[in-house]
């Protein structure tokens, strides 16, 4: 189980381990929290009070301080697992749902013909459809797209990373995902 780390304004930064989150708590770097306490870490007994130290780690934490520049990227990194999740494991040409091993990253405009390896030029395709299209444009082989590509928002990207997301984390992230996103399906 990972903890969703935000900046102080509520913008997602990263998924961190419970141990990494506990270090942030111990360093007094937490500005605020949301969600339930999802893990309790116990430490040693304080000599002066006789009480055992403990840190309750919440599922969503906002961290004080400067925001790393990578958190402000306009476009999330494109990977096949995130692409397939964005497209719900459905081939954009035949409309069938496949396992990840049977899918490919398909460039609408082939890279060899000047197409970019970007969210807006890539869709999910099964191996059969990708082979049929080959190095051509969809219209050259009379294939049409059943859905259009889009660039995921920062909140969508956090969901697409494939983590086990707790209910309160998913509720927080989905609240900022555009209503027309496929992630609401």
N, C-alpha and C. Protein backbone atom coordinates (compact mmCIF):
# COMPACT_ATOMS: atom_id res chain seq x y z
N UNK A 1 0.84 -1.17 0.00
CA UNK A 1 0.00 0.00 0.00
C UNK A 1 0.89 1.24 0.00
N UNK A 2 0.61 2.16 -0.89
CA UNK A 2 1.37 3.40 -0.97
C UNK A 2 0.53 4.57 -0.51
N UNK A 3 1.21 5.65 -0.19
CA UNK A 3 0.59 6.88 0.27
C UNK A 3 0.66 7.89 -0.87
N UNK A 4 -0.43 8.62 -1.10
CA UNK A 4 -0.47 9.65 -2.13
C UNK A 4 0.11 10.93 -1.54
N UNK A 5 1.22 11.39 -2.11
CA UNK A 5 1.88 12.61 -1.66
C UNK A 5 1.45 13.77 -2.54
N UNK A 6 1.01 14.86 -1.89
CA UNK A 6 0.59 16.07 -2.59
C UNK A 6 1.51 17.21 -2.21
N UNK A 7 1.48 18.29 -2.99
CA UNK A 7 2.12 19.52 -2.51
C UNK A 7 1.09 20.24 -1.65
N UNK A 8 1.47 21.37 -1.06
CA UNK A 8 0.56 22.07 -0.13
C UNK A 8 -0.71 22.58 -0.80
N UNK A 9 -0.68 22.74 -2.12
CA UNK A 9 -1.87 23.20 -2.82
C UNK A 9 -2.80 22.06 -3.21
N UNK A 10 -2.40 20.82 -2.92
CA UNK A 10 -3.25 19.67 -3.22
C UNK A 10 -2.97 19.01 -4.55
N UNK A 11 -1.88 19.40 -5.19
CA UNK A 11 -1.50 18.81 -6.48
C UNK A 11 -0.69 17.53 -6.25
N UNK A 12 -1.09 16.40 -6.88
CA UNK A 12 -0.35 15.16 -6.68
C UNK A 12 1.12 15.28 -7.10
N UNK A 13 2.00 14.72 -6.29
CA UNK A 13 3.43 14.72 -6.59
C UNK A 13 3.92 13.31 -6.88
N UNK A 14 3.58 12.36 -6.02
CA UNK A 14 4.16 11.02 -6.16
C UNK A 14 3.39 10.03 -5.29
N UNK A 15 3.66 8.77 -5.55
CA UNK A 15 3.27 7.70 -4.64
C UNK A 15 4.50 7.40 -3.80
N UNK A 16 4.36 7.37 -2.49
CA UNK A 16 5.48 7.08 -1.60
C UNK A 16 5.12 5.90 -0.71
N UNK A 17 6.14 5.21 -0.23
CA UNK A 17 5.91 4.08 0.66
C UNK A 17 5.49 4.61 2.04
N UNK A 18 4.94 3.73 2.85
CA UNK A 18 4.57 4.10 4.22
C UNK A 18 5.82 4.55 4.98
N UNK A 19 6.93 3.87 4.77
CA UNK A 19 8.18 4.23 5.44
C UNK A 19 8.63 5.65 5.04
N UNK A 20 8.56 5.96 3.74
CA UNK A 20 8.93 7.31 3.28
C UNK A 20 7.99 8.35 3.88
N UNK A 21 6.70 8.02 3.97
CA UNK A 21 5.74 8.95 4.57
C UNK A 21 6.05 9.16 6.06
N UNK A 22 6.41 8.08 6.76
CA UNK A 22 6.74 8.20 8.18
C UNK A 22 7.94 9.12 8.39
N UNK A 23 8.89 9.06 7.50
CA UNK A 23 10.06 9.95 7.59
C UNK A 23 9.61 11.41 7.42
N UNK A 24 8.67 11.65 6.52
CA UNK A 24 8.14 13.01 6.34
C UNK A 24 7.41 13.48 7.61
N UNK A 25 6.64 12.58 8.23
CA UNK A 25 5.98 12.92 9.49
C UNK A 25 7.02 13.26 10.56
N UNK A 26 8.04 12.40 10.69
CA UNK A 26 9.07 12.59 11.73
C UNK A 26 9.88 13.87 11.50
N UNK A 27 10.00 14.30 10.24
CA UNK A 27 10.74 15.52 9.91
C UNK A 27 9.87 16.76 9.97
N UNK A 28 8.61 16.59 10.40
CA UNK A 28 7.66 17.69 10.49
C UNK A 28 7.46 18.35 9.12
N UNK A 29 7.40 17.53 8.08
CA UNK A 29 7.25 18.04 6.72
C UNK A 29 5.80 17.96 6.23
N UNK A 30 4.90 17.44 7.05
CA UNK A 30 3.50 17.28 6.63
C UNK A 30 2.72 18.56 6.95
N UNK A 31 2.10 19.13 5.91
CA UNK A 31 1.30 20.35 6.09
C UNK A 31 -0.13 19.98 6.51
N UNK A 32 -0.70 18.96 5.87
CA UNK A 32 -2.05 18.51 6.19
C UNK A 32 -2.26 17.11 5.63
N UNK A 33 -3.31 16.45 6.08
CA UNK A 33 -3.61 15.09 5.64
C UNK A 33 -5.08 14.97 5.27
N UNK A 34 -5.39 13.93 4.51
CA UNK A 34 -6.76 13.57 4.18
C UNK A 34 -6.89 12.06 4.33
N UNK A 35 -8.11 11.60 4.36
CA UNK A 35 -8.33 10.17 4.42
C UNK A 35 -8.09 9.61 5.81
N UNK A 36 -8.25 8.33 5.88
CA UNK A 36 -8.08 7.61 7.14
C UNK A 36 -6.61 7.35 7.41
N UNK A 37 -6.30 7.15 8.68
CA UNK A 37 -4.96 6.67 9.03
C UNK A 37 -4.92 5.23 8.52
N UNK A 38 -3.96 4.93 7.68
CA UNK A 38 -3.91 3.61 7.04
C UNK A 38 -2.83 2.71 7.63
N UNK A 39 -1.97 3.29 8.44
CA UNK A 39 -0.89 2.50 9.02
C UNK A 39 -0.38 3.20 10.29
N UNK A 40 -0.10 2.41 11.29
CA UNK A 40 0.47 2.95 12.52
C UNK A 40 1.86 2.34 12.69
N UNK A 41 2.85 3.21 12.83
CA UNK A 41 4.22 2.75 13.06
C UNK A 41 4.57 3.06 14.51
N UNK A 42 5.11 2.07 15.19
CA UNK A 42 5.47 2.22 16.59
C UNK A 42 6.98 2.24 16.73
N UNK A 43 7.45 3.09 17.65
CA UNK A 43 8.88 3.22 17.89
C UNK A 43 9.24 2.79 19.30
N UNK A 44 10.29 3.37 19.78
CA UNK A 44 10.78 3.04 21.10
C UNK A 44 9.99 3.73 22.20
N UNK A 45 10.32 3.37 23.45
CA UNK A 45 9.68 3.96 24.62
C UNK A 45 10.51 5.15 25.07
N UNK A 46 9.84 6.28 25.28
CA UNK A 46 10.54 7.49 25.73
C UNK A 46 10.88 7.35 27.21
N UNK A 47 12.11 7.58 27.51
CA UNK A 47 12.59 7.43 28.88
C UNK A 47 11.88 8.37 29.84
N UNK A 48 11.67 9.61 29.43
CA UNK A 48 11.08 10.62 30.32
C UNK A 48 9.62 10.34 30.64
N UNK A 49 8.85 9.91 29.62
CA UNK A 49 7.41 9.73 29.81
C UNK A 49 6.99 8.28 29.97
N UNK A 50 7.81 7.37 29.50
CA UNK A 50 7.44 5.95 29.52
C UNK A 50 6.46 5.58 28.42
N UNK A 51 6.16 6.52 27.52
CA UNK A 51 5.22 6.26 26.43
C UNK A 51 5.95 5.80 25.17
N UNK A 52 5.32 4.91 24.46
CA UNK A 52 5.87 4.44 23.19
C UNK A 52 5.54 5.46 22.11
N UNK A 53 6.54 5.79 21.28
CA UNK A 53 6.29 6.72 20.18
C UNK A 53 5.50 6.00 19.10
N UNK A 54 4.66 6.77 18.39
CA UNK A 54 3.88 6.19 17.29
C UNK A 54 3.59 7.27 16.26
N UNK A 55 3.52 6.83 15.03
CA UNK A 55 3.18 7.73 13.93
C UNK A 55 2.01 7.10 13.19
N UNK A 56 0.92 7.84 13.09
CA UNK A 56 -0.22 7.41 12.29
C UNK A 56 -0.05 7.99 10.89
N UNK A 57 0.08 7.13 9.90
CA UNK A 57 0.28 7.57 8.52
C UNK A 57 -1.08 7.56 7.82
N UNK A 58 -1.44 8.71 7.26
CA UNK A 58 -2.69 8.82 6.50
C UNK A 58 -2.46 8.44 5.04
N UNK A 59 -3.53 8.10 4.36
CA UNK A 59 -3.41 7.64 2.97
C UNK A 59 -3.09 8.77 1.99
N UNK A 60 -3.39 10.03 2.40
CA UNK A 60 -3.10 11.19 1.56
C UNK A 60 -2.40 12.22 2.44
N UNK A 61 -1.20 12.65 2.01
CA UNK A 61 -0.44 13.62 2.79
C UNK A 61 -0.01 14.79 1.89
N UNK A 62 -0.06 15.98 2.43
CA UNK A 62 0.44 17.17 1.72
C UNK A 62 1.75 17.58 2.39
N UNK A 63 2.77 17.80 1.57
CA UNK A 63 4.12 18.06 2.06
C UNK A 63 4.46 19.54 1.91
N UNK A 64 5.07 20.09 2.96
CA UNK A 64 5.54 21.48 2.92
C UNK A 64 6.76 21.58 2.02
N UNK A 65 7.06 22.80 1.60
CA UNK A 65 8.31 23.04 0.89
C UNK A 65 8.15 23.18 -0.60
N UNK A 66 9.31 23.28 -1.26
CA UNK A 66 9.34 23.49 -2.70
C UNK A 66 8.84 22.25 -3.43
N UNK A 67 8.21 22.50 -4.55
CA UNK A 67 7.69 21.42 -5.39
C UNK A 67 8.73 21.07 -6.45
N UNK A 68 9.11 19.79 -6.57
CA UNK A 68 10.08 19.43 -7.62
C UNK A 68 9.55 19.80 -9.00
N UNK A 69 10.44 20.20 -9.88
CA UNK A 69 10.02 20.67 -11.20
C UNK A 69 9.28 19.58 -11.98
N UNK A 70 9.60 18.31 -11.77
CA UNK A 70 8.94 17.23 -12.50
C UNK A 70 7.44 17.18 -12.21
N UNK A 71 7.02 17.68 -11.04
CA UNK A 71 5.61 17.67 -10.69
C UNK A 71 4.81 18.65 -11.53
N UNK A 72 5.46 19.58 -12.19
CA UNK A 72 4.78 20.59 -12.97
C UNK A 72 4.84 20.31 -14.47
N UNK A 73 5.26 19.09 -14.83
CA UNK A 73 5.27 18.72 -16.25
C UNK A 73 3.89 18.92 -16.85
N UNK A 74 3.86 19.38 -18.09
CA UNK A 74 2.58 19.54 -18.77
C UNK A 74 2.00 18.20 -19.18
N UNK A 75 2.85 17.26 -19.56
CA UNK A 75 2.39 15.99 -20.07
C UNK A 75 3.07 14.86 -19.30
N UNK A 76 2.29 13.91 -18.78
CA UNK A 76 2.92 12.79 -18.06
C UNK A 76 3.71 11.90 -19.02
N UNK A 77 4.66 11.17 -18.47
CA UNK A 77 5.47 10.26 -19.28
C UNK A 77 4.58 9.20 -19.91
N UNK A 78 4.84 8.90 -21.17
CA UNK A 78 4.08 7.90 -21.91
C UNK A 78 4.73 6.54 -21.74
N UNK A 79 3.98 5.59 -21.20
CA UNK A 79 4.45 4.20 -21.10
C UNK A 79 3.33 3.30 -21.61
N UNK A 80 3.69 2.11 -22.05
CA UNK A 80 2.66 1.19 -22.54
C UNK A 80 1.63 0.84 -21.47
N UNK A 81 2.03 0.49 -20.24
CA UNK A 81 1.00 0.17 -19.25
C UNK A 81 0.01 1.32 -19.02
N UNK A 82 0.50 2.56 -18.98
CA UNK A 82 -0.40 3.69 -18.79
C UNK A 82 -1.26 3.93 -20.04
N UNK A 83 -0.69 3.76 -21.22
CA UNK A 83 -1.45 3.91 -22.46
C UNK A 83 -2.58 2.89 -22.52
N UNK A 84 -2.26 1.62 -22.24
CA UNK A 84 -3.28 0.57 -22.28
C UNK A 84 -4.37 0.82 -21.25
N UNK A 85 -3.99 1.29 -20.06
CA UNK A 85 -4.98 1.61 -19.03
C UNK A 85 -5.85 2.79 -19.46
N UNK A 86 -5.22 3.84 -20.05
CA UNK A 86 -5.99 4.99 -20.53
C UNK A 86 -7.06 4.52 -21.52
N UNK A 87 -6.69 3.60 -22.40
CA UNK A 87 -7.58 3.13 -23.45
C UNK A 87 -8.42 1.92 -23.02
N UNK A 88 -8.36 1.59 -21.72
CA UNK A 88 -9.16 0.53 -21.11
C UNK A 88 -8.92 -0.85 -21.73
N UNK A 89 -7.70 -1.07 -22.28
CA UNK A 89 -7.30 -2.35 -22.86
C UNK A 89 -8.16 -2.73 -24.07
N UNK A 90 -8.64 -1.69 -24.78
CA UNK A 90 -9.49 -1.88 -25.95
C UNK A 90 -8.74 -1.41 -27.19
N UNK A 91 -8.74 -2.26 -28.23
CA UNK A 91 -8.11 -1.90 -29.50
C UNK A 91 -8.90 -0.76 -30.14
N UNK A 92 -8.20 0.28 -30.55
CA UNK A 92 -8.86 1.45 -31.15
C UNK A 92 -9.42 1.17 -32.53
N UNK A 93 -9.03 0.05 -33.15
CA UNK A 93 -9.50 -0.26 -34.49
C UNK A 93 -10.63 -1.29 -34.51
N UNK A 94 -10.49 -2.40 -33.78
CA UNK A 94 -11.52 -3.44 -33.82
C UNK A 94 -12.48 -3.37 -32.63
N UNK A 95 -12.09 -2.66 -31.58
CA UNK A 95 -12.97 -2.49 -30.43
C UNK A 95 -12.98 -3.64 -29.44
N UNK A 96 -12.16 -4.65 -29.66
CA UNK A 96 -12.12 -5.79 -28.73
C UNK A 96 -11.21 -5.48 -27.55
N UNK A 97 -11.52 -6.09 -26.41
CA UNK A 97 -10.71 -5.94 -25.19
C UNK A 97 -9.70 -7.07 -25.16
N UNK A 98 -8.45 -6.74 -24.80
CA UNK A 98 -7.36 -7.71 -24.79
C UNK A 98 -6.57 -7.63 -23.49
N UNK A 99 -5.80 -8.68 -23.22
CA UNK A 99 -4.83 -8.66 -22.14
C UNK A 99 -3.66 -7.80 -22.60
N UNK A 100 -2.93 -7.23 -21.66
CA UNK A 100 -1.82 -6.33 -21.99
C UNK A 100 -0.79 -6.98 -22.92
N UNK A 101 -0.55 -8.28 -22.75
CA UNK A 101 0.44 -8.97 -23.58
C UNK A 101 0.04 -9.05 -25.05
N UNK A 102 -1.24 -8.87 -25.32
CA UNK A 102 -1.73 -8.95 -26.71
C UNK A 102 -1.94 -7.58 -27.33
N UNK A 103 -1.47 -6.52 -26.65
CA UNK A 103 -1.65 -5.16 -27.14
C UNK A 103 -0.32 -4.53 -27.54
N UNK A 104 -0.41 -3.51 -28.38
CA UNK A 104 0.77 -2.77 -28.82
C UNK A 104 0.49 -1.28 -28.77
N UNK A 105 1.57 -0.51 -28.73
CA UNK A 105 1.46 0.95 -28.86
C UNK A 105 1.41 1.24 -30.35
N UNK A 106 0.32 1.80 -30.80
CA UNK A 106 0.12 2.08 -32.22
C UNK A 106 0.24 3.58 -32.45
N UNK A 107 1.09 3.95 -33.40
CA UNK A 107 1.24 5.35 -33.78
C UNK A 107 0.30 5.64 -34.94
N UNK A 108 -0.65 6.54 -34.74
CA UNK A 108 -1.62 6.86 -35.78
C UNK A 108 -0.89 7.33 -37.03
N UNK A 109 -0.01 8.30 -36.88
CA UNK A 109 0.92 8.68 -37.95
C UNK A 109 2.23 7.97 -37.60
N UNK A 110 2.66 7.00 -38.41
CA UNK A 110 3.87 6.24 -38.07
C UNK A 110 5.08 7.13 -37.83
N UNK A 111 5.92 6.73 -36.89
CA UNK A 111 7.15 7.48 -36.57
C UNK A 111 8.00 7.63 -37.83
N UNK A 112 8.04 6.58 -38.66
CA UNK A 112 8.85 6.62 -39.89
C UNK A 112 8.33 7.64 -40.89
N UNK A 113 7.11 8.12 -40.67
CA UNK A 113 6.52 9.12 -41.55
C UNK A 113 6.36 10.47 -40.85
N UNK A 114 7.13 10.66 -39.80
CA UNK A 114 7.15 11.94 -39.11
C UNK A 114 6.24 12.05 -37.90
N UNK A 115 5.57 10.96 -37.53
CA UNK A 115 4.68 10.99 -36.37
C UNK A 115 5.45 10.99 -35.07
N UNK A 116 4.89 11.61 -34.07
CA UNK A 116 5.54 11.72 -32.76
C UNK A 116 5.17 10.54 -31.88
N UNK A 117 6.07 10.20 -30.97
CA UNK A 117 5.78 9.20 -29.95
C UNK A 117 5.20 9.96 -28.77
N UNK A 118 3.92 10.33 -28.90
CA UNK A 118 3.27 11.19 -27.91
C UNK A 118 1.87 10.66 -27.61
N UNK A 119 1.30 11.15 -26.51
CA UNK A 119 -0.05 10.74 -26.11
C UNK A 119 -1.06 11.01 -27.23
N UNK A 120 -0.90 12.11 -27.95
CA UNK A 120 -1.89 12.49 -28.97
C UNK A 120 -1.71 11.75 -30.30
N UNK A 121 -0.62 11.02 -30.46
CA UNK A 121 -0.42 10.23 -31.68
C UNK A 121 -0.43 8.73 -31.40
N UNK A 122 -0.63 8.34 -30.15
CA UNK A 122 -0.59 6.92 -29.81
C UNK A 122 -1.93 6.44 -29.28
N UNK A 123 -2.28 5.25 -29.72
CA UNK A 123 -3.48 4.58 -29.23
C UNK A 123 -3.10 3.11 -28.98
N UNK A 124 -4.01 2.40 -28.35
CA UNK A 124 -3.83 0.98 -28.09
C UNK A 124 -4.39 0.20 -29.27
N UNK A 125 -3.63 -0.79 -29.75
CA UNK A 125 -4.10 -1.64 -30.84
C UNK A 125 -3.70 -3.09 -30.55
N UNK A 126 -4.55 -4.00 -30.98
CA UNK A 126 -4.19 -5.41 -30.87
C UNK A 126 -3.10 -5.70 -31.91
N UNK A 127 -2.41 -6.80 -31.73
CA UNK A 127 -1.31 -7.14 -32.65
C UNK A 127 -1.81 -7.31 -34.08
N UNK A 128 -3.00 -7.91 -34.24
CA UNK A 128 -3.55 -8.12 -35.58
C UNK A 128 -3.83 -6.81 -36.31
N UNK A 129 -4.49 -5.90 -35.65
CA UNK A 129 -4.81 -4.60 -36.27
C UNK A 129 -3.55 -3.78 -36.52
N UNK A 130 -2.61 -3.82 -35.58
CA UNK A 130 -1.35 -3.08 -35.75
C UNK A 130 -0.60 -3.62 -36.96
N UNK A 131 -0.55 -4.94 -37.12
CA UNK A 131 0.11 -5.55 -38.28
C UNK A 131 -0.59 -5.20 -39.58
N UNK A 132 -1.91 -5.19 -39.56
CA UNK A 132 -2.68 -4.86 -40.76
C UNK A 132 -2.43 -3.42 -41.21
N UNK A 133 -2.38 -2.49 -40.23
CA UNK A 133 -2.15 -1.09 -40.56
C UNK A 133 -0.71 -0.86 -41.01
N UNK A 134 0.21 -1.51 -40.31
CA UNK A 134 1.62 -1.39 -40.68
C UNK A 134 2.12 0.04 -40.66
N UNK A 135 2.86 0.39 -41.69
CA UNK A 135 3.52 1.69 -41.79
C UNK A 135 2.67 2.70 -42.58
N UNK A 136 1.36 2.55 -42.50
CA UNK A 136 0.48 3.42 -43.28
C UNK A 136 -0.43 4.23 -42.36
N UNK A 137 -1.08 5.21 -42.92
CA UNK A 137 -2.07 5.97 -42.19
C UNK A 137 -3.36 5.16 -42.14
N UNK A 138 -4.19 5.32 -41.12
CA UNK A 138 -5.42 4.53 -41.02
C UNK A 138 -6.30 4.63 -42.28
N UNK A 139 -6.42 5.84 -42.83
CA UNK A 139 -7.28 5.99 -44.01
C UNK A 139 -6.72 5.28 -45.25
N UNK A 140 -5.41 5.07 -45.30
CA UNK A 140 -4.81 4.37 -46.44
C UNK A 140 -5.18 2.88 -46.47
N UNK A 141 -5.56 2.33 -45.33
CA UNK A 141 -5.96 0.92 -45.26
C UNK A 141 -7.42 0.78 -44.83
N UNK A 142 -8.16 1.88 -44.94
CA UNK A 142 -9.60 1.91 -44.63
C UNK A 142 -9.90 1.43 -43.21
N UNK A 143 -9.09 1.91 -42.26
CA UNK A 143 -9.31 1.63 -40.85
C UNK A 143 -9.66 2.96 -40.17
N UNK A 144 -10.62 2.92 -39.28
CA UNK A 144 -10.96 4.15 -38.57
C UNK A 144 -10.84 3.93 -37.07
N UNK A 145 -10.56 5.02 -36.37
CA UNK A 145 -10.41 4.97 -34.92
C UNK A 145 -11.78 4.96 -34.26
N UNK A 146 -11.95 4.08 -33.28
CA UNK A 146 -13.20 4.01 -32.52
C UNK A 146 -13.22 5.01 -31.37
N UNK A 147 -12.05 5.49 -30.99
CA UNK A 147 -11.93 6.54 -29.97
C UNK A 147 -10.71 7.36 -30.28
N UNK A 148 -10.66 8.55 -29.72
CA UNK A 148 -9.56 9.47 -29.98
C UNK A 148 -8.56 9.47 -28.82
N UNK A 149 -7.30 9.72 -29.12
CA UNK A 149 -6.30 9.82 -28.06
C UNK A 149 -6.45 11.14 -27.30
N UNK A 150 -5.93 11.17 -26.09
CA UNK A 150 -5.88 12.41 -25.32
C UNK A 150 -4.72 12.33 -24.34
N UNK A 151 -4.30 13.49 -23.85
CA UNK A 151 -3.22 13.56 -22.87
C UNK A 151 -3.86 13.48 -21.48
N UNK A 152 -3.49 12.49 -20.67
CA UNK A 152 -4.06 12.40 -19.33
C UNK A 152 -3.65 13.58 -18.45
N UNK A 153 -4.56 13.99 -17.59
CA UNK A 153 -4.24 15.04 -16.62
C UNK A 153 -3.31 14.45 -15.56
N UNK A 154 -2.77 15.31 -14.72
CA UNK A 154 -1.90 14.86 -13.64
C UNK A 154 -2.62 13.88 -12.72
N UNK A 155 -3.90 14.15 -12.41
CA UNK A 155 -4.67 13.26 -11.54
C UNK A 155 -4.92 11.91 -12.23
N UNK A 156 -5.24 11.93 -13.53
CA UNK A 156 -5.42 10.69 -14.28
C UNK A 156 -4.12 9.89 -14.30
N UNK A 157 -3.01 10.58 -14.49
CA UNK A 157 -1.71 9.92 -14.54
C UNK A 157 -1.44 9.16 -13.24
N UNK A 158 -1.79 9.74 -12.11
CA UNK A 158 -1.58 9.07 -10.82
C UNK A 158 -2.39 7.78 -10.75
N UNK A 159 -3.59 7.77 -11.34
CA UNK A 159 -4.43 6.57 -11.38
C UNK A 159 -3.85 5.55 -12.35
N UNK A 160 -3.38 6.02 -13.51
CA UNK A 160 -2.89 5.13 -14.56
C UNK A 160 -1.58 4.42 -14.20
N UNK A 161 -0.92 4.85 -13.16
CA UNK A 161 0.36 4.24 -12.79
C UNK A 161 0.22 2.82 -12.28
N UNK A 162 -1.01 2.36 -12.10
CA UNK A 162 -1.24 0.95 -11.81
C UNK A 162 -1.02 0.53 -10.37
N UNK A 163 -1.06 1.42 -9.45
CA UNK A 163 -0.91 1.09 -8.04
C UNK A 163 -2.23 0.54 -7.49
N UNK A 164 -2.13 -0.12 -6.34
CA UNK A 164 -3.35 -0.46 -5.60
C UNK A 164 -3.78 0.81 -4.89
N UNK A 165 -4.87 1.38 -5.33
CA UNK A 165 -5.31 2.67 -4.83
C UNK A 165 -6.44 2.45 -3.83
N UNK A 166 -6.29 3.04 -2.65
CA UNK A 166 -7.34 2.95 -1.63
C UNK A 166 -8.54 3.80 -2.04
N UNK A 167 -9.70 3.49 -1.48
CA UNK A 167 -10.95 4.17 -1.86
C UNK A 167 -10.86 5.68 -1.67
N UNK A 168 -10.30 6.14 -0.54
CA UNK A 168 -10.24 7.59 -0.32
C UNK A 168 -9.25 8.26 -1.26
N UNK A 169 -8.17 7.56 -1.64
CA UNK A 169 -7.23 8.10 -2.61
C UNK A 169 -7.89 8.21 -3.99
N UNK A 170 -8.64 7.16 -4.38
CA UNK A 170 -9.32 7.18 -5.68
C UNK A 170 -10.37 8.28 -5.71
N UNK A 171 -11.11 8.44 -4.64
CA UNK A 171 -12.12 9.50 -4.57
C UNK A 171 -11.47 10.87 -4.74
N UNK A 172 -10.34 11.09 -4.07
CA UNK A 172 -9.62 12.37 -4.19
C UNK A 172 -9.16 12.60 -5.62
N UNK A 173 -8.55 11.59 -6.23
CA UNK A 173 -8.02 11.75 -7.59
C UNK A 173 -9.14 11.93 -8.62
N UNK A 174 -10.19 11.11 -8.53
CA UNK A 174 -11.28 11.19 -9.50
C UNK A 174 -12.03 12.51 -9.42
N UNK A 175 -12.02 13.16 -8.26
CA UNK A 175 -12.71 14.45 -8.12
C UNK A 175 -12.13 15.50 -9.06
N UNK A 176 -10.87 15.33 -9.47
CA UNK A 176 -10.22 16.31 -10.36
C UNK A 176 -10.01 15.78 -11.77
N UNK A 177 -10.55 14.61 -12.06
CA UNK A 177 -10.43 14.04 -13.41
C UNK A 177 -11.59 14.56 -14.24
N UNK A 178 -11.32 15.03 -15.46
CA UNK A 178 -12.40 15.54 -16.31
C UNK A 178 -13.53 14.51 -16.47
N UNK A 179 -14.76 14.98 -16.47
CA UNK A 179 -15.93 14.09 -16.55
C UNK A 179 -15.95 13.24 -17.83
N UNK A 180 -15.32 13.73 -18.90
CA UNK A 180 -15.32 12.98 -20.16
C UNK A 180 -14.17 11.97 -20.24
N UNK A 181 -13.42 11.82 -19.16
CA UNK A 181 -12.30 10.87 -19.14
C UNK A 181 -12.83 9.43 -19.19
N UNK A 182 -12.10 8.56 -19.86
CA UNK A 182 -12.45 7.14 -19.90
C UNK A 182 -12.32 6.50 -18.53
N UNK A 183 -11.61 7.14 -17.60
CA UNK A 183 -11.43 6.57 -16.27
C UNK A 183 -12.73 6.60 -15.46
N UNK A 184 -13.72 7.37 -15.90
CA UNK A 184 -15.02 7.39 -15.22
C UNK A 184 -15.91 6.27 -15.71
N UNK A 185 -15.51 5.57 -16.75
CA UNK A 185 -16.34 4.47 -17.30
C UNK A 185 -16.38 3.29 -16.36
